[in-house]
C-alpha atoms as a PDB file:
ATOM      1  CA  UNK A   1       5.770  64.964  27.845  1.00  0.00           C
ATOM      2  CA  UNK A   2       2.116  64.704  28.777  1.00  0.00           C
ATOM      3  CA  UNK A   3       1.416  63.029  32.068  1.00  0.00           C
ATOM      4  CA  UNK A   4      -1.219  60.314  32.317  1.00  0.00           C
ATOM      5  CA  UNK A   5      -3.156  59.802  35.498  1.00  0.00           C
ATOM      6  CA  UNK A   6      -5.705  57.205  36.494  1.00  0.00           C
ATOM      7  CA  UNK A   7      -8.561  57.794  38.859  1.00  0.00           C
ATOM      8  CA  UNK A   8      -8.799  55.886  42.161  1.00  0.00           C
ATOM      9  CA  UNK A   9     -11.966  54.135  40.956  1.00  0.00           C
ATOM     10  CA  UNK A  10     -10.319  52.947  37.710  1.00  0.00           C
ATOM     11  CA  UNK A  11      -7.235  51.801  39.607  1.00  0.00           C
ATOM     12  CA  UNK A  12      -9.399  49.741  41.955  1.00  0.00           C
ATOM     13  CA  UNK A  13     -11.131  48.068  39.036  1.00  0.00           C
ATOM     14  CA  UNK A  14      -7.800  47.306  37.353  1.00  0.00           C
ATOM     15  CA  UNK A  15      -6.363  45.963  40.594  1.00  0.00           C
ATOM     16  CA  UNK A  16      -9.277  43.568  41.034  1.00  0.00           C
ATOM     17  CA  UNK A  17      -8.865  42.217  37.511  1.00  0.00           C
ATOM     18  CA  UNK A  18      -5.140  41.680  37.998  1.00  0.00           C
ATOM     19  CA  UNK A  19      -5.716  39.622  41.127  1.00  0.00           C
ATOM     20  CA  UNK A  20      -8.739  37.710  39.863  1.00  0.00           C
ATOM     21  CA  UNK A  21      -7.046  34.322  40.223  1.00  0.00           C
ATOM     22  CA  UNK A  22      -5.077  35.172  43.340  1.00  0.00           C
ATOM     23  CA  UNK A  23      -7.243  37.715  45.208  1.00  0.00           C
ATOM     24  CA  UNK A  24      -4.684  38.179  47.969  1.00  0.00           C
ATOM     25  CA  UNK A  25      -3.843  41.905  47.765  1.00  0.00           C
ATOM     26  CA  UNK A  26      -0.652  41.305  49.730  1.00  0.00           C
ATOM     27  CA  UNK A  27       0.749  39.029  47.060  1.00  0.00           C
ATOM     28  CA  UNK A  28       3.715  40.609  45.309  1.00  0.00           C
ATOM     29  CA  UNK A  29       3.228  38.580  42.117  1.00  0.00           C
ATOM     30  CA  UNK A  30       0.022  39.319  40.266  1.00  0.00           C
ATOM     31  CA  UNK A  31      -1.726  36.377  38.622  1.00  0.00           C
ATOM     32  CA  UNK A  32      -3.595  37.264  35.473  1.00  0.00           C
ATOM     33  CA  UNK A  33      -6.959  35.750  34.722  1.00  0.00           C
ATOM     34  CA  UNK A  34      -7.851  35.081  31.120  1.00  0.00           C
ATOM     35  CA  UNK A  35     -11.298  33.978  29.974  1.00  0.00           C
ATOM     36  CA  UNK A  36     -11.449  30.210  29.313  1.00  0.00           C
ATOM     37  CA  UNK A  37     -11.811  29.431  25.622  1.00  0.00           C
ATOM     38  CA  UNK A  38     -14.551  26.945  24.864  1.00  0.00           C
ATOM     39  CA  UNK A  39     -13.578  24.463  22.124  1.00  0.00           C
ATOM     40  CA  UNK A  40     -15.730  24.527  19.026  1.00  0.00           C
ATOM     41  CA  UNK A  41     -17.775  21.426  18.265  1.00  0.00           C
ATOM     42  CA  UNK A  42     -15.663  18.961  16.273  1.00  0.00           C
ATOM     43  CA  UNK A  43     -16.840  18.419  12.714  1.00  0.00           C
ATOM     44  CA  UNK A  44     -16.014  14.885  11.670  1.00  0.00           C
ATOM     45  CA  UNK A  45     -14.526  14.341   8.250  1.00  0.00           C
ATOM     46  CA  UNK A  46     -16.116  11.498   6.268  1.00  0.00           C
ATOM     47  CA  UNK A  47     -14.008   8.417   5.686  1.00  0.00           C
ATOM     48  CA  UNK A  48     -11.795   9.660   2.870  1.00  0.00           C
ATOM     49  CA  UNK A  49     -10.491   7.183   0.345  1.00  0.00           C
ATOM     50  CA  UNK A  50      -7.431   7.616  -1.876  1.00  0.00           C
ATOM     51  CA  UNK A  51      -7.946   9.414  -5.165  1.00  0.00           C
ATOM     52  CA  UNK A  52      -7.945   7.326  -8.297  1.00  0.00           C
ATOM     53  CA  UNK A  53      -5.052   9.423  -9.614  1.00  0.00           C
ATOM     54  CA  UNK A  54      -3.126  12.575  -8.722  1.00  0.00           C
ATOM     55  CA  UNK A  55      -5.163  15.748  -9.390  1.00  0.00           C
ATOM     56  CA  UNK A  56      -4.665  17.035 -12.936  1.00  0.00           C
ATOM     57  CA  UNK A  57      -2.474  20.087 -13.223  1.00  0.00           C
ATOM     58  CA  UNK A  58      -3.743  23.153 -15.000  1.00  0.00           C
ATOM     59  CA  UNK A  59      -1.876  24.127 -18.149  1.00  0.00           C
ATOM     60  CA  UNK A  60      -2.892  27.766 -17.722  1.00  0.00           C
ATOM     61  CA  UNK A  61      -1.758  30.326 -15.214  1.00  0.00           C
ATOM     62  CA  UNK A  62      -5.240  30.506 -13.671  1.00  0.00           C
ATOM     63  CA  UNK A  63      -5.920  27.930 -10.971  1.00  0.00           C
ATOM     64  CA  UNK A  64      -9.126  25.987 -11.566  1.00  0.00           C
ATOM     65  CA  UNK A  65     -10.931  24.350  -8.660  1.00  0.00           C
ATOM     66  CA  UNK A  66     -12.095  20.844  -9.493  1.00  0.00           C
ATOM     67  CA  UNK A  67     -14.196  18.417  -7.467  1.00  0.00           C
ATOM     68  CA  UNK A  68     -12.879  14.872  -7.074  1.00  0.00           C
ATOM     69  CA  UNK A  69     -14.691  11.754  -5.953  1.00  0.00           C
ATOM     70  CA  UNK A  70     -12.285   9.574  -3.972  1.00  0.00           C
ATOM     71  CA  UNK A  71     -12.669   5.874  -4.666  1.00  0.00           C
ATOM     72  CA  UNK A  72     -11.349   2.759  -2.994  1.00  0.00           C
ATOM     73  CA  UNK A  73      -9.708  -0.139  -4.812  1.00  0.00           C
ATOM     74  CA  UNK A  74     -12.829  -2.171  -4.196  1.00  0.00           C
ATOM     75  CA  UNK A  75     -15.143   0.412  -5.732  1.00  0.00           C
ATOM     76  CA  UNK A  76     -12.833   0.843  -8.734  1.00  0.00           C
ATOM     77  CA  UNK A  77     -12.905  -2.910  -9.344  1.00  0.00           C
ATOM     78  CA  UNK A  78     -16.696  -2.848  -9.196  1.00  0.00           C
ATOM     79  CA  UNK A  79     -16.569  -0.159 -11.860  1.00  0.00           C
ATOM     80  CA  UNK A  80     -14.699  -2.559 -14.137  1.00  0.00           C
ATOM     81  CA  UNK A  81     -11.233  -0.996 -13.915  1.00  0.00           C
ATOM     82  CA  UNK A  82      -8.029  -2.979 -14.313  1.00  0.00           C
ATOM     83  CA  UNK A  83      -5.562  -1.879 -11.631  1.00  0.00           C
ATOM     84  CA  UNK A  84      -1.789  -1.886 -12.009  1.00  0.00           C
ATOM     85  CA  UNK A  85       0.577  -1.957  -9.044  1.00  0.00           C
ATOM     86  CA  UNK A  86       3.945  -2.794  -7.540  1.00  0.00           C
ATOM     87  CA  UNK A  87       5.299  -4.921  -4.688  1.00  0.00           C
ATOM     88  CA  UNK A  88       7.489  -3.178  -2.114  1.00  0.00           C
ATOM     89  CA  UNK A  89      10.013  -5.346  -0.276  1.00  0.00           C
ATOM     90  CA  UNK A  90      12.591  -2.727   0.710  1.00  0.00           C
ATOM     91  CA  UNK A  91      10.319  -1.055   3.289  1.00  0.00           C
ATOM     92  CA  UNK A  92      11.738   2.275   2.171  1.00  0.00           C
ATOM     93  CA  UNK A  93       9.264   5.167   2.579  1.00  0.00           C
ATOM     94  CA  UNK A  94      11.178   7.033  -0.114  1.00  0.00           C
ATOM     95  CA  UNK A  95      10.745   4.194  -2.606  1.00  0.00           C
ATOM     96  CA  UNK A  96       7.083   3.923  -1.592  1.00  0.00           C
ATOM     97  CA  UNK A  97       6.630   7.634  -2.219  1.00  0.00           C
ATOM     98  CA  UNK A  98       8.306   7.404  -5.625  1.00  0.00           C
ATOM     99  CA  UNK A  99       6.051   4.475  -6.524  1.00  0.00           C
ATOM    100  CA  UNK A 100       3.015   6.515  -5.612  1.00  0.00           C
ATOM    101  CA  UNK A 101       4.179   9.561  -7.533  1.00  0.00           C
ATOM    102  CA  UNK A 102       4.940   7.366 -10.556  1.00  0.00           C
ATOM    103  CA  UNK A 103       1.235   6.615 -10.846  1.00  0.00           C
ATOM    104  CA  UNK A 104       0.753   3.025  -9.664  1.00  0.00           C
ATOM    105  CA  UNK A 105      -2.842   2.307  -8.650  1.00  0.00           C
ATOM    106  CA  UNK A 106      -1.692   0.372  -5.587  1.00  0.00           C
ATOM    107  CA  UNK A 107       1.400  -0.838  -3.781  1.00  0.00           C
ATOM    108  CA  UNK A 108       1.685  -4.103  -1.869  1.00  0.00           C
ATOM    109  CA  UNK A 109       3.886  -3.744   1.211  1.00  0.00           C
ATOM    110  CA  UNK A 110       5.214  -7.298   1.365  1.00  0.00           C
ATOM    111  CA  UNK A 111       5.716  -8.603   4.900  1.00  0.00           C
ATOM    112  CA  UNK A 112       5.852 -12.206   3.656  1.00  0.00           C
ATOM    113  CA  UNK A 113       9.088 -11.997   1.681  1.00  0.00           C
ATOM    114  CA  UNK A 114      10.264  -8.516   2.649  1.00  0.00           C
ATOM    115  CA  UNK A 115      12.367  -8.088   5.776  1.00  0.00           C
ATOM    116  CA  UNK A 116      10.017  -5.742   7.617  1.00  0.00           C
ATOM    117  CA  UNK A 117       7.034  -6.124   9.875  1.00  0.00           C
ATOM    118  CA  UNK A 118       4.272  -3.871  11.170  1.00  0.00           C
ATOM    119  CA  UNK A 119       6.534  -1.099  12.488  1.00  0.00           C
ATOM    120  CA  UNK A 120       8.469  -0.898   9.227  1.00  0.00           C
ATOM    121  CA  UNK A 121       5.293  -0.995   7.141  1.00  0.00           C
ATOM    122  CA  UNK A 122       3.707   2.037   8.799  1.00  0.00           C
ATOM    123  CA  UNK A 123       6.080   4.691   7.332  1.00  0.00           C
ATOM    124  CA  UNK A 124       5.452   3.188   3.884  1.00  0.00           C
ATOM    125  CA  UNK A 125       1.706   3.585   4.402  1.00  0.00           C
ATOM    126  CA  UNK A 126       2.289   7.203   5.398  1.00  0.00           C
ATOM    127  CA  UNK A 127       4.280   7.802   2.204  1.00  0.00           C
ATOM    128  CA  UNK A 128       1.671   6.119   0.016  1.00  0.00           C
ATOM    129  CA  UNK A 129      -1.163   8.071   1.635  1.00  0.00           C
ATOM    130  CA  UNK A 130       0.655  11.314   0.849  1.00  0.00           C
ATOM    131  CA  UNK A 131       0.512  10.415  -2.850  1.00  0.00           C
ATOM    132  CA  UNK A 132      -3.103   9.151  -2.765  1.00  0.00           C
ATOM    133  CA  UNK A 133      -1.942   5.619  -3.567  1.00  0.00           C
ATOM    134  CA  UNK A 134      -3.786   2.643  -2.111  1.00  0.00           C
ATOM    135  CA  UNK A 135      -1.803   0.315   0.149  1.00  0.00           C
ATOM    136  CA  UNK A 136      -2.215  -3.449   0.443  1.00  0.00           C
ATOM    137  CA  UNK A 137      -0.488  -5.340   3.237  1.00  0.00           C
ATOM    138  CA  UNK A 138       0.731  -8.855   2.482  1.00  0.00           C
ATOM    139  CA  UNK A 139       0.919 -10.941   5.642  1.00  0.00           C
ATOM    140  CA  UNK A 140       3.776 -13.317   6.466  1.00  0.00           C
ATOM    141  CA  UNK A 141       1.228 -15.933   7.488  1.00  0.00           C
ATOM    142  CA  UNK A 142      -2.532 -16.331   7.717  1.00  0.00           C
ATOM    143  CA  UNK A 143      -3.231 -15.760  11.381  1.00  0.00           C
ATOM    144  CA  UNK A 144      -5.582 -13.696  13.528  1.00  0.00           C
ATOM    145  CA  UNK A 145      -2.689 -11.881  15.219  1.00  0.00           C
ATOM    146  CA  UNK A 146      -0.994 -10.729  12.032  1.00  0.00           C
ATOM    147  CA  UNK A 147      -4.317  -9.768  10.447  1.00  0.00           C
ATOM    148  CA  UNK A 148      -5.341  -7.722  13.492  1.00  0.00           C
ATOM    149  CA  UNK A 149      -2.116  -5.735  13.603  1.00  0.00           C
ATOM    150  CA  UNK A 150      -2.153  -5.168   9.839  1.00  0.00           C
ATOM    151  CA  UNK A 151      -5.790  -4.083   9.686  1.00  0.00           C
ATOM    152  CA  UNK A 152      -5.312  -1.625  12.540  1.00  0.00           C
ATOM    153  CA  UNK A 153      -2.877   0.269  10.268  1.00  0.00           C
ATOM    154  CA  UNK A 154      -5.736   0.942   7.857  1.00  0.00           C
ATOM    155  CA  UNK A 155      -4.675  -0.534   4.488  1.00  0.00           C
ATOM    156  CA  UNK A 156      -7.215  -0.722   1.687  1.00  0.00           C
ATOM    157  CA  UNK A 157      -6.389  -4.359   1.104  1.00  0.00           C
ATOM    158  CA  UNK A 158      -5.004  -7.351   2.971  1.00  0.00           C
ATOM    159  CA  UNK A 159      -3.403 -10.406   1.341  1.00  0.00           C
ATOM    160  CA  UNK A 160      -3.372 -13.830   2.992  1.00  0.00           C
ATOM    161  CA  UNK A 161      -0.699 -16.310   1.806  1.00  0.00           C
ATOM    162  CA  UNK A 162      -1.060 -20.054   1.212  1.00  0.00           C
ATOM    163  CA  UNK A 163      -4.837 -20.410   1.164  1.00  0.00           C
ATOM    164  CA  UNK A 164      -5.413 -23.987   0.032  1.00  0.00           C
ATOM    165  CA  UNK A 165      -8.984 -24.774   1.106  1.00  0.00           C
ATOM    166  CA  UNK A 166     -12.360 -23.106   1.684  1.00  0.00           C
ATOM    167  CA  UNK A 167     -11.811 -23.670   5.405  1.00  0.00           C
ATOM    168  CA  UNK A 168      -8.602 -21.619   5.437  1.00  0.00           C
ATOM    169  CA  UNK A 169     -10.356 -18.961   3.338  1.00  0.00           C
ATOM    170  CA  UNK A 170     -13.210 -18.711   5.845  1.00  0.00           C
ATOM    171  CA  UNK A 171     -10.687 -18.350   8.649  1.00  0.00           C
ATOM    172  CA  UNK A 172      -8.941 -15.541   6.787  1.00  0.00           C
ATOM    173  CA  UNK A 173     -12.212 -13.667   6.363  1.00  0.00           C
ATOM    174  CA  UNK A 174     -13.059 -14.156  10.044  1.00  0.00           C
ATOM    175  CA  UNK A 175      -9.751 -12.508  10.991  1.00  0.00           C
ATOM    176  CA  UNK A 176     -10.962  -9.366   9.189  1.00  0.00           C
ATOM    177  CA  UNK A 177     -14.377  -9.079  10.837  1.00  0.00           C
ATOM    178  CA  UNK A 178     -15.363  -8.032  14.320  1.00  0.00           C
ATOM    179  CA  UNK A 179     -17.570 -10.299  16.465  1.00  0.00           C
ATOM    180  CA  UNK A 180     -20.097 -11.760  16.056  1.00  0.00           C
ATOM    181  CA  UNK A 181     -19.192 -12.127  12.372  1.00  0.00           C
ATOM    182  CA  UNK A 182     -15.512 -12.780  13.029  1.00  0.00           C
ATOM    183  CA  UNK A 183     -12.719 -12.854  15.583  1.00  0.00           C
ATOM    184  CA  UNK A 184     -10.884  -9.590  14.938  1.00  0.00           C
ATOM    185  CA  UNK A 185      -9.772  -7.874  18.120  1.00  0.00           C
ATOM    186  CA  UNK A 186     -11.192  -4.406  18.597  1.00  0.00           C
ATOM    187  CA  UNK A 187      -9.367  -1.154  19.290  1.00  0.00           C
ATOM    188  CA  UNK A 188     -11.245   0.862  16.679  1.00  0.00           C
ATOM    189  CA  UNK A 189     -11.457   3.892  18.970  1.00  0.00           C
ATOM    190  CA  UNK A 190      -7.718   4.616  18.749  1.00  0.00           C
ATOM    191  CA  UNK A 191      -6.099   2.882  15.754  1.00  0.00           C
ATOM    192  CA  UNK A 192      -5.045   4.437  12.454  1.00  0.00           C
ATOM    193  CA  UNK A 193      -7.684   2.487  10.521  1.00  0.00           C
ATOM    194  CA  UNK A 194     -10.417   4.644  12.092  1.00  0.00           C
ATOM    195  CA  UNK A 195      -8.374   7.845  11.835  1.00  0.00           C
ATOM    196  CA  UNK A 196      -7.451   7.279  15.491  1.00  0.00           C
ATOM    197  CA  UNK A 197     -11.123   7.325  16.472  1.00  0.00           C
ATOM    198  CA  UNK A 198     -12.026  10.511  14.601  1.00  0.00           C
ATOM    199  CA  UNK A 199     -13.959   8.576  11.951  1.00  0.00           C
ATOM    200  CA  UNK A 200     -17.011   7.543  13.945  1.00  0.00           C
ATOM    201  CA  UNK A 201     -18.458   5.741  10.938  1.00  0.00           C
ATOM    202  CA  UNK A 202     -15.587   3.266  10.675  1.00  0.00           C
ATOM    203  CA  UNK A 203     -17.518   0.296  12.038  1.00  0.00           C
ATOM    204  CA  UNK A 204     -20.276   0.903   9.511  1.00  0.00           C
ATOM    205  CA  UNK A 205     -18.125   0.969   6.389  1.00  0.00           C
ATOM    206  CA  UNK A 206     -14.868  -0.896   7.008  1.00  0.00           C
ATOM    207  CA  UNK A 207     -16.096  -4.145   5.427  1.00  0.00           C
ATOM    208  CA  UNK A 208     -17.370  -2.295   2.379  1.00  0.00           C
ATOM    209  CA  UNK A 209     -13.972  -0.691   1.738  1.00  0.00           C
ATOM    210  CA  UNK A 210     -11.601  -3.546   2.654  1.00  0.00           C
ATOM    211  CA  UNK A 211     -10.319  -5.766  -0.176  1.00  0.00           C
ATOM    212  CA  UNK A 212      -9.681  -9.292   1.131  1.00  0.00           C
ATOM    213  CA  UNK A 213      -7.236 -11.183  -1.076  1.00  0.00           C
ATOM    214  CA  UNK A 214      -6.481 -14.910  -0.797  1.00  0.00           C
ATOM    215  CA  UNK A 215      -3.333 -16.306  -2.386  1.00  0.00           C
ATOM    216  CA  UNK A 216      -3.899 -19.651  -4.102  1.00  0.00           C
ATOM    217  CA  UNK A 217      -0.417 -20.941  -4.809  1.00  0.00           C
ATOM    218  CA  UNK A 218      -0.329 -24.696  -4.422  1.00  0.00           C
ATOM    219  CA  UNK A 219      -1.527 -27.675  -6.415  1.00  0.00           C
ATOM    220  CA  UNK A 220      -3.876 -28.556  -3.561  1.00  0.00           C
ATOM    221  CA  UNK A 221      -5.302 -25.038  -3.460  1.00  0.00           C
ATOM    222  CA  UNK A 222      -5.889 -24.931  -7.213  1.00  0.00           C
ATOM    223  CA  UNK A 223      -7.959 -28.102  -7.017  1.00  0.00           C
ATOM    224  CA  UNK A 224     -10.325 -26.332  -4.584  1.00  0.00           C
ATOM    225  CA  UNK A 225     -10.181 -22.878  -6.110  1.00  0.00           C
ATOM    226  CA  UNK A 226     -13.847 -22.928  -7.123  1.00  0.00           C
ATOM    227  CA  UNK A 227     -14.880 -23.422  -3.484  1.00  0.00           C
ATOM    228  CA  UNK A 228     -12.328 -20.897  -2.212  1.00  0.00           C
ATOM    229  CA  UNK A 229     -13.519 -18.052  -4.404  1.00  0.00           C
ATOM    230  CA  UNK A 230     -17.101 -18.846  -3.391  1.00  0.00           C
ATOM    231  CA  UNK A 231     -16.435 -18.154   0.311  1.00  0.00           C
ATOM    232  CA  UNK A 232     -18.369 -15.127   1.521  1.00  0.00           C
ATOM    233  CA  UNK A 233     -15.985 -12.220   2.031  1.00  0.00           C
ATOM    234  CA  UNK A 234     -13.259 -13.345  -0.382  1.00  0.00           C
ATOM    235  CA  UNK A 235     -12.969 -10.469  -2.848  1.00  0.00           C
ATOM    236  CA  UNK A 236      -9.931 -11.520  -4.829  1.00  0.00           C
ATOM    237  CA  UNK A 237      -7.913 -14.612  -5.742  1.00  0.00           C
ATOM    238  CA  UNK A 238      -4.186 -13.867  -5.968  1.00  0.00           C
ATOM    239  CA  UNK A 239      -2.541 -16.479  -8.166  1.00  0.00           C
ATOM    240  CA  UNK A 240       0.986 -17.529  -7.136  1.00  0.00           C
ATOM    241  CA  UNK A 241       2.812 -18.963 -10.165  1.00  0.00           C
ATOM    242  CA  UNK A 242       6.170 -19.483  -8.452  1.00  0.00           C
ATOM    243  CA  UNK A 243       4.881 -21.422  -5.450  1.00  0.00           C
ATOM    244  CA  UNK A 244       2.439 -23.300  -7.671  1.00  0.00           C
ATOM    245  CA  UNK A 245       5.231 -24.412  -9.998  1.00  0.00           C
ATOM    246  CA  UNK A 246       7.310 -25.450  -6.981  1.00  0.00           C
ATOM    247  CA  UNK A 247       4.455 -27.527  -5.553  1.00  0.00           C
ATOM    248  CA  UNK A 248       4.194 -29.283  -8.917  1.00  0.00           C
ATOM    249  CA  UNK A 249       7.922 -30.065  -9.013  1.00  0.00           C
ATOM    250  CA  UNK A 250       8.946 -27.276 -11.398  1.00  0.00           C
ATOM    251  CA  UNK A 251      10.621 -24.803  -9.044  1.00  0.00           C
ATOM    252  CA  UNK A 252      12.963 -23.479 -11.736  1.00  0.00           C
ATOM    253  CA  UNK A 253      10.412 -23.610 -14.527  1.00  0.00           C
ATOM    254  CA  UNK A 254       7.222 -21.610 -13.779  1.00  0.00           C
ATOM    255  CA  UNK A 255       6.646 -21.351 -17.524  1.00  0.00           C
ATOM    256  CA  UNK A 256       6.441 -25.118 -17.884  1.00  0.00           C
ATOM    257  CA  UNK A 257       3.599 -26.311 -20.098  1.00  0.00           C
ATOM    258  CA  UNK A 258       2.029 -28.347 -17.289  1.00  0.00           C
ATOM    259  CA  UNK A 259       2.129 -25.377 -14.896  1.00  0.00           C
ATOM    260  CA  UNK A 260       0.521 -23.163 -17.523  1.00  0.00           C
ATOM    261  CA  UNK A 261      -2.286 -25.672 -18.026  1.00  0.00           C
ATOM    262  CA  UNK A 262      -3.030 -25.763 -14.301  1.00  0.00           C
ATOM    263  CA  UNK A 263      -2.921 -21.953 -14.105  1.00  0.00           C
ATOM    264  CA  UNK A 264      -5.313 -21.554 -17.036  1.00  0.00           C
ATOM    265  CA  UNK A 265      -7.726 -24.055 -15.497  1.00  0.00           C
ATOM    266  CA  UNK A 266      -7.675 -22.202 -12.184  1.00  0.00           C
ATOM    267  CA  UNK A 267      -8.213 -18.839 -13.860  1.00  0.00           C
ATOM    268  CA  UNK A 268     -11.202 -20.119 -15.821  1.00  0.00           C
ATOM    269  CA  UNK A 269     -12.747 -21.556 -12.644  1.00  0.00           C
ATOM    270  CA  UNK A 270     -12.527 -18.192 -10.885  1.00  0.00           C
ATOM    271  CA  UNK A 271     -13.914 -16.284 -13.856  1.00  0.00           C
ATOM    272  CA  UNK A 272     -16.749 -18.776 -14.341  1.00  0.00           C
ATOM    273  CA  UNK A 273     -17.732 -18.512 -10.693  1.00  0.00           C
ATOM    274  CA  UNK A 274     -17.771 -14.743 -11.020  1.00  0.00           C
ATOM    275  CA  UNK A 275     -17.611 -13.992  -7.292  1.00  0.00           C
ATOM    276  CA  UNK A 276     -13.964 -12.937  -6.936  1.00  0.00           C
ATOM    277  CA  UNK A 277     -11.521 -10.884  -8.986  1.00  0.00           C
ATOM    278  CA  UNK A 278      -8.341 -12.361 -10.444  1.00  0.00           C
ATOM    279  CA  UNK A 279      -5.025 -10.898  -9.324  1.00  0.00           C
ATOM    280  CA  UNK A 280      -1.584 -11.878 -10.582  1.00  0.00           C
ATOM    281  CA  UNK A 281       2.105 -11.171 -11.108  1.00  0.00           C
ATOM    282  CA  UNK A 282       3.800 -10.296 -14.360  1.00  0.00           C
ATOM    283  CA  UNK A 283       6.309 -13.006 -15.309  1.00  0.00           C
ATOM    284  CA  UNK A 284       8.946 -13.123 -18.065  1.00  0.00           C
ATOM    285  CA  UNK A 285       6.719 -15.537 -19.986  1.00  0.00           C
ATOM    286  CA  UNK A 286       3.437 -13.858 -19.005  1.00  0.00           C
ATOM    287  CA  UNK A 287       3.209 -10.093 -19.502  1.00  0.00           C
ATOM    288  CA  UNK A 288       0.792  -7.546 -18.085  1.00  0.00           C
ATOM    289  CA  UNK A 289      -1.230  -7.194 -21.275  1.00  0.00           C
ATOM    290  CA  UNK A 290      -1.612 -10.961 -21.521  1.00  0.00           C
ATOM    291  CA  UNK A 291      -2.877 -11.160 -17.931  1.00  0.00           C
ATOM    292  CA  UNK A 292      -5.376  -8.397 -18.604  1.00  0.00           C
ATOM    293  CA  UNK A 293      -6.575 -10.169 -21.746  1.00  0.00           C
ATOM    294  CA  UNK A 294      -7.229 -13.360 -19.753  1.00  0.00           C
ATOM    295  CA  UNK A 295      -9.458 -11.556 -17.272  1.00  0.00           C
ATOM    296  CA  UNK A 296      -7.129 -10.320 -14.528  1.00  0.00           C
ATOM    297  CA  UNK A 297      -8.335  -7.075 -12.929  1.00  0.00           C
ATOM    298  CA  UNK A 298      -5.371  -6.623 -10.571  1.00  0.00           C
ATOM    299  CA  UNK A 299      -1.886  -6.843 -12.070  1.00  0.00           C
ATOM    300  CA  UNK A 300       1.425  -6.398 -10.247  1.00  0.00           C
ATOM    301  CA  UNK A 301       4.083  -5.463 -12.757  1.00  0.00           C
ATOM    302  CA  UNK A 302       7.251  -5.462 -10.697  1.00  0.00           C
ATOM    303  CA  UNK A 303       8.904  -5.434  -7.286  1.00  0.00           C
ATOM    304  CA  UNK A 304      11.089  -2.579  -6.084  1.00  0.00           C
ATOM    305  CA  UNK A 305      14.056  -4.891  -5.453  1.00  0.00           C
ATOM    306  CA  UNK A 306      13.809  -6.363  -8.946  1.00  0.00           C
ATOM    307  CA  UNK A 307      13.605  -2.926 -10.549  1.00  0.00           C
ATOM    308  CA  UNK A 308      16.699  -1.713  -8.705  1.00  0.00           C
ATOM    309  CA  UNK A 309      18.576  -4.950  -9.375  1.00  0.00           C
ATOM    310  CA  UNK A 310      17.927  -4.724 -13.114  1.00  0.00           C
ATOM    311  CA  UNK A 311      18.871  -1.042 -13.248  1.00  0.00           C
ATOM    312  CA  UNK A 312      22.048  -1.640 -11.208  1.00  0.00           C
ATOM    313  CA  UNK A 313      23.184  -4.615 -13.292  1.00  0.00           C
ATOM    314  CA  UNK A 314      22.564  -2.682 -16.495  1.00  0.00           C
ATOM    315  CA  UNK A 315      24.428   0.353 -15.166  1.00  0.00           C
ATOM    316  CA  UNK A 316      27.514  -1.661 -14.220  1.00  0.00           C
ATOM    317  CA  UNK A 317      27.372  -3.586 -17.480  1.00  0.00           C
ATOM    318  CA  UNK A 318      27.319  -0.375 -19.534  1.00  0.00           C
ATOM    319  CA  UNK A 319      30.338   0.956 -17.669  1.00  0.00           C
ATOM    320  CA  UNK A 320      32.360  -2.234 -18.131  1.00  0.00           C
ATOM    321  CA  UNK A 321      31.441  -2.441 -21.797  1.00  0.00           C
ATOM    322  CA  UNK A 322      32.609   1.146 -22.183  1.00  0.00           C
ATOM    323  CA  UNK A 323      35.970   0.255 -20.614  1.00  0.00           C
ATOM    324  CA  UNK A 324      36.342  -2.745 -22.922  1.00  0.00           C
ATOM    325  CA  UNK A 325      35.608  -0.617 -25.977  1.00  0.00           C
ATOM    326  CA  UNK A 326      38.112   1.992 -24.814  1.00  0.00           C
ATOM    327  CA  UNK A 327      40.844  -0.636 -24.362  1.00  0.00           C
ATOM    328  CA  UNK A 328      40.023  -2.062 -27.782  1.00  0.00           C
ATOM    329  CA  UNK A 329      40.369   1.376 -29.406  1.00  0.00           C
ATOM    330  CA  UNK A 330      43.731   1.947 -27.695  1.00  0.00           C
ATOM    331  CA  UNK A 331      45.005  -1.432 -28.880  1.00  0.00           C
ATOM    332  CA  UNK A 332      44.009  -0.624 -32.447  1.00  0.00           C
ATOM    333  CA  UNK A 333      45.864   2.688 -32.269  1.00  0.00           C
ATOM    334  CA  UNK A 334      48.999   0.982 -30.948  1.00  0.00           C
ATOM    335  CA  UNK A 335      48.871  -1.752 -33.559  1.00  0.00           C
ATOM    336  CA  UNK A 336      48.556  -4.531 -30.982  1.00  0.00           C
ATOM    337  CA  UNK A 337      45.474  -5.972 -32.572  1.00  0.00           C
ATOM    338  CA  UNK A 338      47.155  -6.436 -35.958  1.00  0.00           C
ATOM    339  CA  UNK A 339      50.229  -8.039 -34.350  1.00  0.00           C
ATOM    340  CA  UNK A 340      48.122 -10.498 -32.378  1.00  0.00           C
ATOM    341  CA  UNK A 341      46.211 -11.292 -35.549  1.00  0.00           C
ATOM    342  CA  UNK A 342      49.484 -11.829 -37.416  1.00  0.00           C
ATOM    343  CA  UNK A 343      50.873 -14.292 -34.903  1.00  0.00           C
ATOM    344  CA  UNK A 344      47.547 -16.058 -34.651  1.00  0.00           C
ATOM    345  CA  UNK A 345      47.762 -16.725 -38.357  1.00  0.00           C
END
């Protein structure tokens, strides 16, 4: 084998480099010195908004690069689109993900009637973001505290329940704005809404992108709906047919003629004012296409709990009907049916 030698001068240079951090030549443990890496300047990503729909898939084997212009719910409404969504009350990220993949334009994470709060809502927002589906948070009550915690999660929309006067509408809007225009508490340097502080333009565009929705769902609120939808900052009026019917004394009959008349009057007032979009729920007596025809631009077709309930009831019913048919066939084969018919005669 060839022997390798190193000159005294080269050894001295190597020895100095090995002990650059700990220059003590008597130290038995060398300490290596590596050059300090300087971080590259951080390039901020613009405030990205969810895509209007999942990217189209190529039908050929060659991948085609396509440019997409992300749009917010608010910008899509300004473009005249009618948006179709779902309410999520299970707080299941898996269900939220399925809803997004199914193609809904938005999903309302319902903290008013669902069992979850802020902590449970966050994983659902993560799941929806992964599918480019806009999230709206429905608050359990109209308060500054709930609005602050919800807005810090970064939803595209926020829904305030039980707005029955222009005063309560103005308060709701103030909860969404930072001082001096509102009373929202500020932690924009670290919260999810600002990409944890990475989006330095958050304070400049958050009002432009946020959809503020006020639920008008009482007889008192309907009487003042023209003033409510005229409040600066109110982007959308969410009609509440169930609570409205209850306030009118028709809890079990939201399709009552008198309730319908009040609903139609309220809808016309909002549309005539022309300053807020109409949003509503699909009901057994009031389908999605009918809502769209009357001027609704935001339509919620179902709730996850209701979808599962209907599917589960139908599944069990099919099984039990199958058992009944099987028993009936066996009775016919054994002649029991004819005997029973004979004695019944």
